[in-house]
Amino acid sequence: MNTSLLRGVLAAALTFLTSALLPAIAADAPAKGDKWETTSQMSMEGMPMAMPANTMTRCVAKNQTEPPTENRPNCTNGQYKRDGNKATWETTCTNPDMKGVGAITYSDASTYTGTIKFTSSDGNMTIKLSGRKLGDCDKPQ
């Protein structure tokens, strides 16, 4: 067989295999997420002083369906909606029983500010939120 013909056949086979296998390999690759640094600070009616702020980082899905805030034990988020630069959601907690409404406004694609306002039989509480995107991350939650 002619060497140039053999090279052509091999090149065509390699091109075919590469174009067929790369999408399958890419589909198996884990999705990247957005790494957010989030800060929350709680205040409660009648408290003489503000609580210290809590800062943490989270890896969230790029097409998130949850607020980019910390997960709290005994609390669940629902009714998450994002419309343009605003996102809203509801939070329900047990032990103690509380209901909250959260809202954040994105200043741009990489920063936000907002609040979660909780009501309970023990009093009302507000959590101030802020966040900034640090970049990409692996294994979004």
Protein backbone atom coordinates (compact mmCIF):
# COMPACT_ATOMS: atom_id res chain seq x y z
CA MET A 1 0.00 0.00 0.00
CA ASN A 2 1.19 3.50 -0.81
CA THR A 3 2.64 5.32 2.25
CA SER A 4 0.81 8.59 1.54
CA LEU A 5 -2.46 6.68 1.05
CA LEU A 6 -1.90 4.86 4.36
CA ARG A 7 -1.24 8.17 6.12
CA GLY A 8 -4.45 9.61 4.67
CA VAL A 9 -6.51 6.62 5.81
CA LEU A 10 -4.97 6.78 9.29
CA ALA A 11 -5.58 10.54 9.51
CA ALA A 12 -9.22 10.09 8.45
CA ALA A 13 -9.71 7.27 10.97
CA LEU A 14 -8.10 9.32 13.75
CA THR A 15 -10.29 12.34 12.91
CA PHE A 16 -13.42 10.16 12.93
CA LEU A 17 -12.55 8.50 16.24
CA THR A 18 -11.64 11.81 17.87
CA SER A 19 -14.85 13.51 16.75
CA ALA A 20 -16.90 10.52 17.92
CA LEU A 21 -15.18 10.01 21.29
CA LEU A 22 -14.53 13.55 22.53
CA PRO A 23 -18.19 14.47 23.05
CA ALA A 24 -18.71 11.23 25.01
CA ILE A 25 -15.64 11.93 27.16
CA ALA A 26 -16.72 15.55 27.71
CA ALA A 27 -20.22 14.39 28.71
CA ASP A 28 -18.70 12.22 31.45
CA ALA A 29 -16.54 15.08 32.78
CA PRO A 30 -17.91 16.56 36.01
CA ALA A 31 -19.68 19.89 35.64
CA LYS A 32 -17.89 23.00 36.85
CA GLY A 33 -19.59 25.28 39.33
CA ASP A 34 -19.15 28.82 40.59
CA LYS A 35 -17.15 29.34 43.78
CA TRP A 36 -18.83 31.96 45.96
CA GLU A 37 -17.61 33.62 49.14
CA THR A 38 -20.75 34.38 51.16
CA THR A 39 -21.08 36.50 54.27
CA SER A 40 -24.10 36.49 56.57
CA GLN A 41 -24.77 38.53 59.69
CA MET A 42 -27.76 37.95 61.94
CA SER A 43 -29.57 40.58 63.96
CA MET A 44 -32.58 40.02 66.18
CA GLU A 45 -35.07 42.50 67.52
CA GLY A 46 -34.27 43.36 71.15
CA MET A 47 -30.67 42.13 71.09
CA PRO A 48 -28.28 44.69 72.57
CA MET A 49 -25.53 43.95 70.06
CA ALA A 50 -25.09 42.54 66.56
CA MET A 51 -23.82 39.01 66.10
CA PRO A 52 -20.45 38.61 64.34
CA ALA A 53 -20.51 38.04 60.60
CA ASN A 54 -19.95 34.52 59.26
CA THR A 55 -18.00 34.10 56.00
CA MET A 56 -17.68 30.85 54.08
CA THR A 57 -17.11 29.58 50.54
CA ARG A 58 -19.44 27.33 48.56
CA CYS A 59 -19.35 25.69 45.17
CA VAL A 60 -22.77 26.11 43.53
CA ALA A 61 -24.05 24.96 40.17
CA LYS A 62 -23.76 27.52 37.38
CA ASN A 63 -27.49 27.15 36.74
CA GLN A 64 -28.29 27.21 40.45
CA THR A 65 -31.73 26.37 41.70
CA GLU A 66 -30.95 27.30 45.31
CA PRO A 67 -29.79 30.59 46.81
CA PRO A 68 -25.98 30.85 47.04
CA THR A 69 -26.18 31.08 50.82
CA GLU A 70 -25.02 28.63 53.45
CA ASN A 71 -27.08 25.54 54.17
CA ARG A 72 -28.54 25.58 57.65
CA PRO A 73 -29.36 22.40 59.59
CA ASN A 74 -33.11 21.83 60.04
CA CYS A 75 -33.91 24.37 57.28
CA THR A 76 -35.16 23.87 53.74
CA ASN A 77 -35.34 26.37 50.88
CA GLY A 78 -38.18 26.43 48.39
CA GLN A 79 -39.85 28.58 45.76
CA TYR A 80 -36.46 29.81 44.45
CA LYS A 81 -37.00 32.21 41.56
CA ARG A 82 -34.53 34.30 39.64
CA ASP A 83 -35.73 37.13 37.44
CA GLY A 84 -32.92 39.16 35.90
CA ASN A 85 -30.65 40.40 38.67
CA LYS A 86 -33.05 39.52 41.52
CA ALA A 87 -33.59 36.19 43.26
CA THR A 88 -36.19 35.32 45.91
CA TRP A 89 -36.97 32.21 47.94
CA GLU A 90 -38.70 30.93 51.06
CA THR A 91 -37.03 29.17 53.98
CA THR A 92 -38.71 26.95 56.56
CA CYS A 93 -36.85 25.82 59.68
CA THR A 94 -37.70 23.45 62.53
CA ASN A 95 -36.28 23.40 66.05
CA PRO A 96 -36.88 26.32 66.44
CA ASP A 97 -39.82 26.76 64.09
CA MET A 98 -39.24 29.75 61.79
CA LYS A 99 -40.37 30.91 58.38
CA GLY A 100 -38.33 33.24 56.26
CA VAL A 101 -38.32 35.10 52.98
CA GLY A 102 -35.02 35.73 51.25
CA ALA A 103 -34.13 38.16 48.51
CA ILE A 104 -30.84 39.06 46.89
CA THR A 105 -29.94 41.52 44.16
CA TYR A 106 -26.94 40.87 41.94
CA SER A 107 -24.98 44.08 41.29
CA ASP A 108 -23.30 42.27 38.42
CA ALA A 109 -22.53 38.64 37.61
CA SER A 110 -20.05 38.38 40.48
CA THR A 111 -21.52 40.20 43.52
CA TYR A 112 -24.81 40.34 45.40
CA THR A 113 -26.42 41.75 48.56
CA GLY A 114 -29.66 40.83 50.24
CA THR A 115 -31.53 39.67 53.34
CA ILE A 116 -33.48 36.79 54.81
CA LYS A 117 -36.26 37.94 57.14
CA PHE A 118 -37.42 35.29 59.61
CA THR A 119 -40.50 35.29 61.83
CA SER A 120 -41.03 32.97 64.78
CA SER A 121 -42.83 32.85 68.10
CA ASP A 122 -39.53 33.86 69.73
CA GLY A 123 -39.24 37.07 67.69
CA ASN A 124 -38.14 38.34 64.33
CA MET A 125 -34.66 37.97 62.91
CA THR A 126 -32.93 39.45 59.87
CA ILE A 127 -29.86 37.99 58.21
CA LYS A 128 -27.92 40.37 55.98
CA LEU A 129 -26.26 38.64 53.03
CA SER A 130 -23.48 39.51 50.67
CA GLY A 131 -21.46 37.46 48.26
CA ARG A 132 -18.81 37.60 45.62
CA LYS A 133 -17.89 35.06 42.99
CA LEU A 134 -14.29 33.89 43.26
CA GLY A 135 -14.14 31.83 40.07
CA ASP A 136 -14.86 28.29 38.94
CA CYS A 137 -14.87 25.21 41.15
CA ASP A 138 -15.34 21.45 40.94
CA LYS A 139 -18.18 19.43 42.46
CA PRO A 140 -21.01 21.96 42.81
CA GLN A 141 -23.43 21.24 45.66
